[in-house]
Amino acid sequence: MKKIAIACDGDAVSSHFGHCEQFQIYAIEGETIQLAETIRNEGLEHGSIPALLAAHGAEAIIAGRMGQGAYQRFMDSHMIVKTGVSGKALSAAQAYANDTLESELVFCTHRHDETHHCHHQ
């Protein structure tokens, strides 16, 4: 069994990892997908999230966009990072399990006025 984390707003993949409402942890065994737990994103520091999700068994993170610093911290933690994902979290988990999840590396940068700028790689 493997576990993945999805940055979510409600039941949808969050458009931005750092601003998501919660992280949903899905357990995948064969073709069976189950929501294992939900971790609220209340005051979590960006730098602590990779270790927190790894402590809950997550091997991968799925989100819409992610800053380069967060991306590097996940890579340093040896986690798989899938960005550029949208839609329902359960559908993304199923696509990940089936190895059909379409993603692209999308970095998000912030200016002090909180305007977001995204860069596709």
PDB file of N, CA and C in Angstrom:
ATOM      1  N   MET A   1       0.848  -1.179   0.000  1.00  0.00           N
ATOM      2  CA  MET A   1       0.000   0.000   0.000  1.00  0.00           C
ATOM      3  C   MET A   1       0.891   1.239   0.000  1.00  0.00           C
ATOM      4  N   LYS A   2       0.484   2.229  -0.794  1.00  0.00           N
ATOM      5  CA  LYS A   2       1.188   3.499  -0.776  1.00  0.00           C
ATOM      6  C   LYS A   2       0.199   4.602  -0.454  1.00  0.00           C
ATOM      7  N   LYS A   3       0.735   5.739  -0.007  1.00  0.00           N
ATOM      8  CA  LYS A   3      -0.106   6.877   0.336  1.00  0.00           C
ATOM      9  C   LYS A   3       0.362   8.102  -0.433  1.00  0.00           C
ATOM     10  N   ILE A   4      -0.616   8.915  -0.812  1.00  0.00           N
ATOM     11  CA  ILE A   4      -0.327  10.179  -1.473  1.00  0.00           C
ATOM     12  C   ILE A   4      -1.080  11.288  -0.744  1.00  0.00           C
ATOM     13  N   ALA A   5      -0.545  12.492  -0.824  1.00  0.00           N
ATOM     14  CA  ALA A   5      -1.197  13.662  -0.228  1.00  0.00           C
ATOM     15  C   ALA A   5      -1.653  14.569  -1.360  1.00  0.00           C
ATOM     16  N   ILE A   6      -2.850  15.122  -1.202  1.00  0.00           N
ATOM     17  CA  ILE A   6      -3.367  16.065  -2.180  1.00  0.00           C
ATOM     18  C   ILE A   6      -3.741  17.349  -1.454  1.00  0.00           C
ATOM     19  N   ALA A   7      -3.184  18.475  -1.928  1.00  0.00           N
ATOM     20  CA  ALA A   7      -3.560  19.788  -1.384  1.00  0.00           C
ATOM     21  C   ALA A   7      -4.977  20.077  -1.880  1.00  0.00           C
ATOM     22  N   CYS A   8      -5.913  20.307  -0.944  1.00  0.00           N
ATOM     23  CA  CYS A   8      -7.323  20.432  -1.318  1.00  0.00           C
ATOM     24  C   CYS A   8      -7.988  21.687  -0.777  1.00  0.00           C
ATOM     25  N   ASP A   9      -8.946  22.161  -1.537  1.00  0.00           N
ATOM     26  CA  ASP A   9      -9.927  23.144  -1.100  1.00  0.00           C
ATOM     27  C   ASP A   9     -11.261  22.440  -1.269  1.00  0.00           C
ATOM     28  N   GLY A  10     -11.889  22.096  -0.155  1.00  0.00           N
ATOM     29  CA  GLY A  10     -13.085  21.266  -0.230  1.00  0.00           C
ATOM     30  C   GLY A  10     -12.698  19.898  -0.763  1.00  0.00           C
ATOM     31  N   ASP A  11     -13.408  19.432  -1.799  1.00  0.00           N
ATOM     32  CA  ASP A  11     -13.078  18.128  -2.373  1.00  0.00           C
ATOM     33  C   ASP A  11     -12.301  18.256  -3.681  1.00  0.00           C
ATOM     34  N   ALA A  12     -11.802  19.451  -3.972  1.00  0.00           N
ATOM     35  CA  ALA A  12     -11.065  19.698  -5.214  1.00  0.00           C
ATOM     36  C   ALA A  12      -9.579  19.922  -4.938  1.00  0.00           C
ATOM     37  N   VAL A  13      -8.758  19.618  -5.936  1.00  0.00           N
ATOM     38  CA  VAL A  13      -7.331  19.904  -5.851  1.00  0.00           C
ATOM     39  C   VAL A  13      -7.170  21.418  -5.752  1.00  0.00           C
ATOM     40  N   SER A  14      -6.423  21.866  -4.769  1.00  0.00           N
ATOM     41  CA  SER A  14      -6.209  23.295  -4.561  1.00  0.00           C
ATOM     42  C   SER A  14      -5.352  23.867  -5.688  1.00  0.00           C
ATOM     43  N   SER A  15      -5.690  25.082  -6.101  1.00  0.00           N
ATOM     44  CA  SER A  15      -4.902  25.718  -7.154  1.00  0.00           C
ATOM     45  C   SER A  15      -3.531  26.139  -6.635  1.00  0.00           C
ATOM     46  N   HIS A  16      -3.364  26.229  -5.305  1.00  0.00           N
ATOM     47  CA  HIS A  16      -2.064  26.599  -4.747  1.00  0.00           C
ATOM     48  C   HIS A  16      -1.785  25.795  -3.489  1.00  0.00           C
ATOM     49  N   PHE A  17      -0.707  25.056  -3.520  1.00  0.00           N
ATOM     50  CA  PHE A  17      -0.300  24.200  -2.412  1.00  0.00           C
ATOM     51  C   PHE A  17      -0.283  24.931  -1.067  1.00  0.00           C
ATOM     52  N   GLY A  18       0.385  26.063  -0.989  1.00  0.00           N
ATOM     53  CA  GLY A  18       0.581  26.752   0.280  1.00  0.00           C
ATOM     54  C   GLY A  18      -0.657  27.400   0.856  1.00  0.00           C
ATOM     55  N   HIS A  19      -1.674  27.609   0.019  1.00  0.00           N
ATOM     56  CA  HIS A  19      -2.886  28.278   0.484  1.00  0.00           C
ATOM     57  C   HIS A  19      -4.066  27.323   0.594  1.00  0.00           C
ATOM     58  N   CYS A  20      -3.820  26.035   0.510  1.00  0.00           N
ATOM     59  CA  CYS A  20      -4.925  25.068   0.552  1.00  0.00           C
ATOM     60  C   CYS A  20      -5.569  25.029   1.940  1.00  0.00           C
ATOM     61  N   GLU A  21      -6.813  24.561   1.977  1.00  0.00           N
ATOM     62  CA  GLU A  21      -7.536  24.405   3.242  1.00  0.00           C
ATOM     63  C   GLU A  21      -7.035  23.203   4.027  1.00  0.00           C
ATOM     64  N   GLN A  22      -6.654  22.151   3.289  1.00  0.00           N
ATOM     65  CA  GLN A  22      -6.323  20.892   3.937  1.00  0.00           C
ATOM     66  C   GLN A  22      -5.501  20.018   3.001  1.00  0.00           C
ATOM     67  N   PHE A  23      -4.926  18.986   3.589  1.00  0.00           N
ATOM     68  CA  PHE A  23      -4.245  17.954   2.823  1.00  0.00           C
ATOM     69  C   PHE A  23      -5.020  16.664   3.048  1.00  0.00           C
ATOM     70  N   GLN A  24      -5.446  16.040   1.965  1.00  0.00           N
ATOM     71  CA  GLN A  24      -6.127  14.759   2.071  1.00  0.00           C
ATOM     72  C   GLN A  24      -5.114  13.680   1.747  1.00  0.00           C
ATOM     73  N   ILE A  25      -5.019  12.707   2.632  1.00  0.00           N
ATOM     74  CA  ILE A  25      -4.108  11.583   2.458  1.00  0.00           C
ATOM     75  C   ILE A  25      -4.935  10.405   1.948  1.00  0.00           C
ATOM     76  N   TYR A  26      -4.558   9.903   0.772  1.00  0.00           N
ATOM     77  CA  TYR A  26      -5.247   8.757   0.179  1.00  0.00           C
ATOM     78  C   TYR A  26      -4.353   7.533   0.252  1.00  0.00           C
ATOM     79  N   ALA A  27      -4.931   6.417   0.632  1.00  0.00           N
ATOM     80  CA  ALA A  27      -4.232   5.135   0.630  1.00  0.00           C
ATOM     81  C   ALA A  27      -4.592   4.422  -0.667  1.00  0.00           C
ATOM     82  N   ILE A  28      -3.574   3.913  -1.341  1.00  0.00           N
ATOM     83  CA  ILE A  28      -3.769   3.231  -2.620  1.00  0.00           C
ATOM     84  C   ILE A  28      -3.241   1.816  -2.490  1.00  0.00           C
ATOM     85  N   GLU A  29      -4.107   0.862  -2.767  1.00  0.00           N
ATOM     86  CA  GLU A  29      -3.702  -0.538  -2.782  1.00  0.00           C
ATOM     87  C   GLU A  29      -4.318  -1.171  -4.015  1.00  0.00           C
ATOM     88  N   GLY A  30      -3.472  -1.468  -4.984  1.00  0.00           N
ATOM     89  CA  GLY A  30      -3.976  -1.966  -6.260  1.00  0.00           C
ATOM     90  C   GLY A  30      -4.826  -0.888  -6.909  1.00  0.00           C
ATOM     91  N   GLU A  31      -6.078  -1.213  -7.192  1.00  0.00           N
ATOM     92  CA  GLU A  31      -6.997  -0.245  -7.779  1.00  0.00           C
ATOM     93  C   GLU A  31      -7.932   0.370  -6.742  1.00  0.00           C
ATOM     94  N   THR A  32      -7.712   0.037  -5.478  1.00  0.00           N
ATOM     95  CA  THR A  32      -8.556   0.544  -4.403  1.00  0.00           C
ATOM     96  C   THR A  32      -7.966   1.838  -3.850  1.00  0.00           C
ATOM     97  N   ILE A  33      -8.797   2.886  -3.836  1.00  0.00           N
ATOM     98  CA  ILE A  33      -8.403   4.195  -3.324  1.00  0.00           C
ATOM     99  C   ILE A  33      -9.290   4.508  -2.126  1.00  0.00           C
ATOM    100  N   GLN A  34      -8.682   4.908  -1.021  1.00  0.00           N
ATOM    101  CA  GLN A  34      -9.452   5.288   0.152  1.00  0.00           C
ATOM    102  C   GLN A  34      -8.886   6.551   0.764  1.00  0.00           C
ATOM    103  N   LEU A  35      -9.783   7.445   1.191  1.00  0.00           N
ATOM    104  CA  LEU A  35      -9.345   8.614   1.939  1.00  0.00           C
ATOM    105  C   LEU A  35      -8.949   8.124   3.326  1.00  0.00           C
ATOM    106  N   ALA A  36      -7.672   8.259   3.644  1.00  0.00           N
ATOM    107  CA  ALA A  36      -7.170   7.747   4.916  1.00  0.00           C
ATOM    108  C   ALA A  36      -7.314   8.760   6.037  1.00  0.00           C
ATOM    109  N   GLU A  37      -7.030  10.047   5.727  1.00  0.00           N
ATOM    110  CA  GLU A  37      -7.148  11.084   6.744  1.00  0.00           C
ATOM    111  C   GLU A  37      -7.068  12.460   6.093  1.00  0.00           C
ATOM    112  N   THR A  38      -7.460  13.455   6.868  1.00  0.00           N
ATOM    113  CA  THR A  38      -7.412  14.838   6.424  1.00  0.00           C
ATOM    114  C   THR A  38      -6.623  15.642   7.452  1.00  0.00           C
ATOM    115  N   ILE A  39      -5.688  16.447   6.968  1.00  0.00           N
ATOM    116  CA  ILE A  39      -4.876  17.299   7.834  1.00  0.00           C
ATOM    117  C   ILE A  39      -5.192  18.739   7.479  1.00  0.00           C
ATOM    118  N   ARG A  40      -5.742  19.487   8.411  1.00  0.00           N
ATOM    119  CA  ARG A  40      -6.070  20.902   8.186  1.00  0.00           C
ATOM    120  C   ARG A  40      -4.790  21.717   8.022  1.00  0.00           C
ATOM    121  N   ASN A  41      -4.825  22.686   7.134  1.00  0.00           N
ATOM    122  CA  ASN A  41      -3.682  23.571   6.909  1.00  0.00           C
ATOM    123  C   ASN A  41      -3.931  24.871   7.664  1.00  0.00           C
ATOM    124  N   GLU A  42      -3.795  24.796   8.968  1.00  0.00           N
ATOM    125  CA  GLU A  42      -4.025  25.958   9.823  1.00  0.00           C
ATOM    126  C   GLU A  42      -2.714  26.366  10.478  1.00  0.00           C
ATOM    127  N   GLY A  43      -2.067  27.353   9.890  1.00  0.00           N
ATOM    128  CA  GLY A  43      -0.841  27.861  10.479  1.00  0.00           C
ATOM    129  C   GLY A  43       0.373  26.987  10.270  1.00  0.00           C
ATOM    130  N   LEU A  44       0.290  26.040   9.343  1.00  0.00           N
ATOM    131  CA  LEU A  44       1.451  25.201   9.079  1.00  0.00           C
ATOM    132  C   LEU A  44       2.489  26.014   8.321  1.00  0.00           C
ATOM    133  N   GLU A  45       3.719  25.935   8.742  1.00  0.00           N
ATOM    134  CA  GLU A  45       4.790  26.611   8.032  1.00  0.00           C
ATOM    135  C   GLU A  45       5.148  25.787   6.805  1.00  0.00           C
ATOM    136  N   HIS A  46       5.352  26.479   5.680  1.00  0.00           N
ATOM    137  CA  HIS A  46       5.649  25.778   4.436  1.00  0.00           C
ATOM    138  C   HIS A  46       6.790  24.778   4.601  1.00  0.00           C
ATOM    139  N   GLY A  47       7.816  25.142   5.330  1.00  0.00           N
ATOM    140  CA  GLY A  47       8.973  24.274   5.495  1.00  0.00           C
ATOM    141  C   GLY A  47       8.697  23.007   6.275  1.00  0.00           C
ATOM    142  N   SER A  48       7.642  23.002   7.077  1.00  0.00           N
ATOM    143  CA  SER A  48       7.344  21.832   7.894  1.00  0.00           C
ATOM    144  C   SER A  48       6.410  20.837   7.211  1.00  0.00           C
ATOM    145  N   ILE A  49       5.772  21.244   6.136  1.00  0.00           N
ATOM    146  CA  ILE A  49       4.749  20.393   5.512  1.00  0.00           C
ATOM    147  C   ILE A  49       5.326  19.116   4.904  1.00  0.00           C
ATOM    148  N   PRO A  50       6.456  19.138   4.174  1.00  0.00           N
ATOM    149  CA  PRO A  50       6.975  17.867   3.640  1.00  0.00           C
ATOM    150  C   PRO A  50       7.220  16.822   4.727  1.00  0.00           C
ATOM    151  N   ALA A  51       7.825  17.222   5.828  1.00  0.00           N
ATOM    152  CA  ALA A  51       8.087  16.273   6.917  1.00  0.00           C
ATOM    153  C   ALA A  51       6.791  15.781   7.549  1.00  0.00           C
ATOM    154  N   LEU A  52       5.818  16.680   7.704  1.00  0.00           N
ATOM    155  CA  LEU A  52       4.532  16.301   8.285  1.00  0.00           C
ATOM    156  C   LEU A  52       3.826  15.271   7.410  1.00  0.00           C
ATOM    157  N   LEU A  53       3.769  15.532   6.102  1.00  0.00           N
ATOM    158  CA  LEU A  53       3.092  14.600   5.200  1.00  0.00           C
ATOM    159  C   LEU A  53       3.840  13.271   5.126  1.00  0.00           C
ATOM    160  N   ALA A  54       5.165  13.331   5.129  1.00  0.00           N
ATOM    161  CA  ALA A  54       5.953  12.093   5.127  1.00  0.00           C
ATOM    162  C   ALA A  54       5.718  11.294   6.404  1.00  0.00           C
ATOM    163  N   ALA A  55       5.569  11.982   7.533  1.00  0.00           N
ATOM    164  CA  ALA A  55       5.298  11.298   8.805  1.00  0.00           C
ATOM    165  C   ALA A  55       3.954  10.573   8.774  1.00  0.00           C
ATOM    166  N   HIS A  56       3.047  11.038   7.904  1.00  0.00           N
ATOM    167  CA  HIS A  56       1.749  10.382   7.741  1.00  0.00           C
ATOM    168  C   HIS A  56       1.788   9.344   6.622  1.00  0.00           C
ATOM    169  N   GLY A  57       2.989   9.071   6.117  1.00  0.00           N
ATOM    170  CA  GLY A  57       3.179   8.006   5.142  1.00  0.00           C
ATOM    171  C   GLY A  57       3.080   8.418   3.684  1.00  0.00           C
ATOM    172  N   ALA A  58       2.898   9.715   3.401  1.00  0.00           N
ATOM    173  CA  ALA A  58       2.744  10.150   2.008  1.00  0.00           C
ATOM    174  C   ALA A  58       4.061  10.024   1.261  1.00  0.00           C
ATOM    175  N   GLU A  59       3.974   9.468   0.057  1.00  0.00           N
ATOM    176  CA  GLU A  59       5.130   9.319  -0.825  1.00  0.00           C
ATOM    177  C   GLU A  59       5.112  10.348  -1.939  1.00  0.00           C
ATOM    178  N   ALA A  60       3.963  11.035  -2.113  1.00  0.00           N
ATOM    179  CA  ALA A  60       3.814  12.003  -3.202  1.00  0.00           C
ATOM    180  C   ALA A  60       2.882  13.118  -2.758  1.00  0.00           C
ATOM    181  N   ILE A  61       3.036  14.285  -3.393  1.00  0.00           N
ATOM    182  CA  ILE A  61       2.151  15.431  -3.161  1.00  0.00           C
ATOM    183  C   ILE A  61       1.602  15.868  -4.515  1.00  0.00           C
ATOM    184  N   ILE A  62       0.307  16.171  -4.545  1.00  0.00           N
ATOM    185  CA  ILE A  62      -0.374  16.629  -5.754  1.00  0.00           C
ATOM    186  C   ILE A  62      -0.987  17.983  -5.449  1.00  0.00           C
ATOM    187  N   ALA A  63      -0.793  18.952  -6.348  1.00  0.00           N
ATOM    188  CA  ALA A  63      -1.345  20.299  -6.161  1.00  0.00           C
ATOM    189  C   ALA A  63      -1.488  20.982  -7.513  1.00  0.00           C
ATOM    190  N   GLY A  64      -2.132  22.143  -7.489  1.00  0.00           N
ATOM    191  CA  GLY A  64      -2.233  22.946  -8.694  1.00  0.00           C
ATOM    192  C   GLY A  64      -0.911  23.628  -8.995  1.00  0.00           C
ATOM    193  N   ARG A  65      -0.495  24.497  -8.092  1.00  0.00           N
ATOM    194  CA  ARG A  65       0.775  25.216  -8.222  1.00  0.00           C
ATOM    195  C   ARG A  65       1.540  25.082  -6.921  1.00  0.00           C
ATOM    196  N   MET A  66       2.848  25.379  -7.001  1.00  0.00           N
ATOM    197  CA  MET A  66       3.695  25.284  -5.825  1.00  0.00           C
ATOM    198  C   MET A  66       4.894  26.211  -6.024  1.00  0.00           C
ATOM    199  N   GLY A  67       5.321  26.855  -4.963  1.00  0.00           N
ATOM    200  CA  GLY A  67       6.518  27.682  -5.034  1.00  0.00           C
ATOM    201  C   GLY A  67       7.765  26.830  -5.191  1.00  0.00           C
ATOM    202  N   GLN A  68       8.824  27.434  -5.732  1.00  0.00           N
ATOM    203  CA  GLN A  68      10.064  26.701  -5.954  1.00  0.00           C
ATOM    204  C   GLN A  68      10.688  26.211  -4.653  1.00  0.00           C
ATOM    205  N   GLY A  69      10.553  26.993  -3.582  1.00  0.00           N
ATOM    206  CA  GLY A  69      11.105  26.569  -2.295  1.00  0.00           C
ATOM    207  C   GLY A  69      10.411  25.324  -1.773  1.00  0.00           C
ATOM    208  N   ALA A  70       9.086  25.309  -1.836  1.00  0.00           N
ATOM    209  CA  ALA A  70       8.331  24.135  -1.388  1.00  0.00           C
ATOM    210  C   ALA A  70       8.675  22.930  -2.258  1.00  0.00           C
ATOM    211  N   TYR A  71       8.743  23.149  -3.564  1.00  0.00           N
ATOM    212  CA  TYR A  71       9.111  22.061  -4.481  1.00  0.00           C
ATOM    213  C   TYR A  71      10.453  21.454  -4.082  1.00  0.00           C
ATOM    214  N   GLN A  72      11.434  22.306  -3.820  1.00  0.00           N
ATOM    215  CA  GLN A  72      12.760  21.808  -3.460  1.00  0.00           C
ATOM    216  C   GLN A  72      12.737  21.048  -2.138  1.00  0.00           C
ATOM    217  N   ARG A  73      11.945  21.526  -1.160  1.00  0.00           N
ATOM    218  CA  ARG A  73      11.854  20.813   0.122  1.00  0.00           C
ATOM    219  C   ARG A  73      11.238  19.424  -0.068  1.00  0.00           C
ATOM    220  N   PHE A  74      10.231  19.311  -0.933  1.00  0.00           N
ATOM    221  CA  PHE A  74       9.650  17.991  -1.204  1.00  0.00           C
ATOM    222  C   PHE A  74      10.665  17.096  -1.905  1.00  0.00           C
ATOM    223  N   MET A  75      11.402  17.654  -2.852  1.00  0.00           N
ATOM    224  CA  MET A  75      12.414  16.864  -3.554  1.00  0.00           C
ATOM    225  C   MET A  75      13.503  16.412  -2.580  1.00  0.00           C
ATOM    226  N   ASP A  76      13.897  17.296  -1.664  1.00  0.00           N
ATOM    227  CA  ASP A  76      14.900  16.942  -0.657  1.00  0.00           C
ATOM    228  C   ASP A  76      14.391  15.834   0.266  1.00  0.00           C
ATOM    229  N   SER A  77      13.064  15.757   0.421  1.00  0.00           N
ATOM    230  CA  SER A  77      12.442  14.718   1.250  1.00  0.00           C
ATOM    231  C   SER A  77      12.155  13.447   0.448  1.00  0.00           C
ATOM    232  N   HIS A  78      12.602  13.428  -0.817  1.00  0.00           N
ATOM    233  CA  HIS A  78      12.430  12.273  -1.699  1.00  0.00           C
ATOM    234  C   HIS A  78      10.964  11.948  -1.966  1.00  0.00           C
ATOM    235  N   MET A  79      10.142  12.997  -2.047  1.00  0.00           N
ATOM    236  CA  MET A  79       8.733  12.814  -2.376  1.00  0.00           C
ATOM    237  C   MET A  79       8.500  13.143  -3.844  1.00  0.00           C
ATOM    238  N   ILE A  80       7.562  12.467  -4.447  1.00  0.00           N
ATOM    239  CA  ILE A  80       7.156  12.738  -5.824  1.00  0.00           C
ATOM    240  C   ILE A  80       6.262  13.968  -5.798  1.00  0.00           C
ATOM    241  N   VAL A  81       6.496  14.905  -6.716  1.00  0.00           N
ATOM    242  CA  VAL A  81       5.713  16.138  -6.783  1.00  0.00           C
ATOM    243  C   VAL A  81       4.987  16.188  -8.121  1.00  0.00           C
ATOM    244  N   LYS A  82       3.664  16.338  -8.066  1.00  0.00           N
ATOM    245  CA  LYS A  82       2.837  16.479  -9.265  1.00  0.00           C
ATOM    246  C   LYS A  82       2.086  17.792  -9.150  1.00  0.00           C
ATOM    247  N   THR A  83       2.380  18.741 -10.031  1.00  0.00           N
ATOM    248  CA  THR A  83       1.683  20.022 -10.046  1.00  0.00           C
ATOM    249  C   THR A  83       1.004  20.210 -11.395  1.00  0.00           C
ATOM    250  N   GLY A  84       0.233  21.288 -11.500  1.00  0.00           N
ATOM    251  CA  GLY A  84      -0.521  21.529 -12.715  1.00  0.00           C
ATOM    252  C   GLY A  84      -1.774  20.679 -12.776  1.00  0.00           C
ATOM    253  N   VAL A  85      -2.208  20.190 -11.623  1.00  0.00           N
ATOM    254  CA  VAL A  85      -3.359  19.286 -11.531  1.00  0.00           C
ATOM    255  C   VAL A  85      -4.576  20.074 -11.069  1.00  0.00           C
ATOM    256  N   SER A  86      -5.728  19.766 -11.619  1.00  0.00           N
ATOM    257  CA  SER A  86      -6.981  20.391 -11.191  1.00  0.00           C
ATOM    258  C   SER A  86      -8.077  19.329 -11.183  1.00  0.00           C
ATOM    259  N   GLY A  87      -9.253  19.713 -10.695  1.00  0.00           N
ATOM    260  CA  GLY A  87     -10.378  18.779 -10.642  1.00  0.00           C
ATOM    261  C   GLY A  87     -10.594  18.224  -9.255  1.00  0.00           C
ATOM    262  N   LYS A  88     -11.359  17.175  -9.178  1.00  0.00           N
ATOM    263  CA  LYS A  88     -11.684  16.540  -7.903  1.00  0.00           C
ATOM    264  C   LYS A  88     -10.484  15.754  -7.373  1.00  0.00           C
ATOM    265  N   ALA A  89     -10.260  15.837  -6.083  1.00  0.00           N
ATOM    266  CA  ALA A  89      -9.130  15.150  -5.458  1.00  0.00           C
ATOM    267  C   ALA A  89      -9.213  13.640  -5.648  1.00  0.00           C
ATOM    268  N   LEU A  90     -10.387  13.068  -5.489  1.00  0.00           N
ATOM    269  CA  LEU A  90     -10.533  11.621  -5.644  1.00  0.00           C
ATOM    270  C   LEU A  90     -10.190  11.197  -7.068  1.00  0.00           C
ATOM    271  N   SER A  91     -10.580  11.983  -8.052  1.00  0.00           N
ATOM    272  CA  SER A  91     -10.248  11.673  -9.449  1.00  0.00           C
ATOM    273  C   SER A  91      -8.742  11.750  -9.667  1.00  0.00           C
ATOM    274  N   ALA A  92      -8.092  12.733  -9.052  1.00  0.00           N
ATOM    275  CA  ALA A  92      -6.639  12.851  -9.171  1.00  0.00           C
ATOM    276  C   ALA A  92      -5.958  11.650  -8.522  1.00  0.00           C
ATOM    277  N   ALA A  93      -6.463  11.221  -7.364  1.00  0.00           N
ATOM    278  CA  ALA A  93      -5.894  10.055  -6.685  1.00  0.00           C
ATOM    279  C   ALA A  93      -6.048   8.807  -7.548  1.00  0.00           C
ATOM    280  N   GLN A  94      -7.209   8.659  -8.159  1.00  0.00           N
ATOM    281  CA  GLN A  94      -7.443   7.496  -9.025  1.00  0.00           C
ATOM    282  C   GLN A  94      -6.524   7.525 -10.239  1.00  0.00           C
ATOM    283  N   ALA A  95      -6.369   8.701 -10.833  1.00  0.00           N
ATOM    284  CA  ALA A  95      -5.472   8.829 -11.985  1.00  0.00           C
ATOM    285  C   ALA A  95      -4.027   8.537 -11.585  1.00  0.00           C
ATOM    286  N   TYR A  96      -3.619   8.994 -10.400  1.00  0.00           N
ATOM    287  CA  TYR A  96      -2.272   8.705  -9.915  1.00  0.00           C
ATOM    288  C   TYR A  96      -2.087   7.194  -9.758  1.00  0.00           C
ATOM    289  N   ALA A  97      -3.073   6.548  -9.158  1.00  0.00           N
ATOM    290  CA  ALA A  97      -2.999   5.103  -8.944  1.00  0.00           C
ATOM    291  C   ALA A  97      -2.919   4.342 -10.267  1.00  0.00           C
ATOM    292  N   ASN A  98      -3.605   4.854 -11.291  1.00  0.00           N
ATOM    293  CA  ASN A  98      -3.626   4.213 -12.609  1.00  0.00           C
ATOM    294  C   ASN A  98      -2.462   4.650 -13.493  1.00  0.00           C
ATOM    295  N   ASP A  99      -1.596   5.518 -12.966  1.00  0.00           N
ATOM    296  CA  ASP A  99      -0.461   6.067 -13.704  1.00  0.00           C
ATOM    297  C   ASP A  99      -0.912   6.838 -14.948  1.00  0.00           C
ATOM    298  N   THR A 100      -2.060   7.536 -14.821  1.00  0.00           N
ATOM    299  CA  THR A 100      -2.580   8.344 -15.932  1.00  0.00           C
ATOM    300  C   THR A 100      -2.746   9.812 -15.539  1.00  0.00           C
ATOM    301  N   LEU A 101      -2.211  10.202 -14.388  1.00  0.00           N
ATOM    302  CA  LEU A 101      -2.356  11.583 -13.925  1.00  0.00           C
ATOM    303  C   LEU A 101      -1.541  12.511 -14.822  1.00  0.00           C
ATOM    304  N   GLU A 102      -2.213  13.465 -15.445  1.00  0.00           N
ATOM    305  CA  GLU A 102      -1.536  14.446 -16.273  1.00  0.00           C
ATOM    306  C   GLU A 102      -1.115  15.613 -15.393  1.00  0.00           C
ATOM    307  N   SER A 103       0.163  15.937 -15.449  1.00  0.00           N
ATOM    308  CA  SER A 103       0.674  17.030 -14.640  1.00  0.00           C
ATOM    309  C   SER A 103       1.803  17.702 -15.397  1.00  0.00           C
ATOM    310  N   GLU A 104       2.117  18.910 -14.952  1.00  0.00           N
ATOM    311  CA  GLU A 104       3.261  19.633 -15.475  1.00  0.00           C
ATOM    312  C   GLU A 104       3.842  20.429 -14.321  1.00  0.00           C
ATOM    313  N   LEU A 105       5.106  20.707 -14.401  1.00  0.00           N
ATOM    314  CA  LEU A 105       5.760  21.451 -13.345  1.00  0.00           C
ATOM    315  C   LEU A 105       5.348  22.913 -13.443  1.00  0.00           C
ATOM    316  N   VAL A 106       4.604  23.394 -12.439  1.00  0.00           N
ATOM    317  CA  VAL A 106       4.115  24.770 -12.426  1.00  0.00           C
ATOM    318  C   VAL A 106       4.589  25.422 -11.140  1.00  0.00           C
ATOM    319  N   PHE A 107       5.496  26.399 -11.291  1.00  0.00           N
ATOM    320  CA  PHE A 107       5.986  27.143 -10.133  1.00  0.00           C
ATOM    321  C   PHE A 107       5.181  28.416  -9.977  1.00  0.00           C
ATOM    322  N   CYS A 108       4.952  28.786  -8.754  1.00  0.00           N
ATOM    323  CA  CYS A 108       4.229  30.003  -8.439  1.00  0.00           C
ATOM    324  C   CYS A 108       5.147  30.897  -7.631  1.00  0.00           C
ATOM    325  N   THR A 109       5.253  32.151  -8.029  1.00  0.00           N
ATOM    326  CA  THR A 109       6.036  33.114  -7.258  1.00  0.00           C
ATOM    327  C   THR A 109       5.090  34.165  -6.722  1.00  0.00           C
ATOM    328  N   HIS A 110       5.452  34.781  -5.636  1.00  0.00           N
ATOM    329  CA  HIS A 110       4.597  35.773  -4.982  1.00  0.00           C
ATOM    330  C   HIS A 110       5.324  37.093  -4.883  1.00  0.00           C
ATOM    331  N   ARG A 111       4.584  38.135  -5.076  1.00  0.00           N
ATOM    332  CA  ARG A 111       5.106  39.462  -4.784  1.00  0.00           C
ATOM    333  C   ARG A 111       4.512  39.882  -3.455  1.00  0.00           C
ATOM    334  N   HIS A 112       5.043  40.913  -2.883  1.00  0.00           N
ATOM    335  CA  HIS A 112       4.567  41.346  -1.560  1.00  0.00           C
ATOM    336  C   HIS A 112       3.111  41.776  -1.572  1.00  0.00           C
ATOM    337  N   ASP A 113       2.567  42.138  -2.738  1.00  0.00           N
ATOM    338  CA  ASP A 113       1.154  42.512  -2.788  1.00  0.00           C
ATOM    339  C   ASP A 113       0.261  41.288  -2.975  1.00  0.00           C
ATOM    340  N   GLU A 114       0.860  40.084  -2.840  1.00  0.00           N
ATOM    341  CA  GLU A 114       0.156  38.806  -2.925  1.00  0.00           C
ATOM    342  C   GLU A 114      -0.337  38.474  -4.326  1.00  0.00           C
ATOM    343  N   THR A 115       0.148  39.179  -5.342  1.00  0.00           N
ATOM    344  CA  THR A 115      -0.184  38.831  -6.710  1.00  0.00           C
ATOM    345  C   THR A 115       0.603  37.581  -7.067  1.00  0.00           C
ATOM    346  N   HIS A 116      -0.048  36.623  -7.670  1.00  0.00           N
ATOM    347  CA  HIS A 116       0.609  35.374  -8.034  1.00  0.00           C
ATOM    348  C   HIS A 116       1.060  35.408  -9.474  1.00  0.00           C
ATOM    349  N   HIS A 117       2.228  34.875  -9.707  1.00  0.00           N
ATOM    350  CA  HIS A 117       2.777  34.727 -11.042  1.00  0.00           C
ATOM    351  C   HIS A 117       3.195  33.281 -11.179  1.00  0.00           C
ATOM    352  N   CYS A 118       2.707  32.612 -12.179  1.00  0.00           N
ATOM    353  CA  CYS A 118       3.030  31.198 -12.355  1.00  0.00           C
ATOM    354  C   CYS A 118       3.923  31.000 -13.557  1.00  0.00           C
ATOM    355  N   HIS A 119       4.856  30.079 -13.403  1.00  0.00           N
ATOM    356  CA  HIS A 119       5.820  29.771 -14.450  1.00  0.00           C
ATOM    357  C   HIS A 119       5.747  28.285 -14.740  1.00  0.00           C
ATOM    358  N   HIS A 120       5.472  27.959 -15.980  1.00  0.00           N
ATOM    359  CA  HIS A 120       5.409  26.559 -16.400  1.00  0.00           C
ATOM    360  C   HIS A 120       6.780  26.139 -16.882  1.00  0.00           C
ATOM    361  N   GLN A 121       7.177  24.923 -16.519  1.00  0.00           N
ATOM    362  CA  GLN A 121       8.481  24.407 -16.944  1.00  0.00           C
ATOM    363  C   GLN A 121       8.288  23.186 -17.798  1.00  0.00           C
TER     364      GLN A 121
END
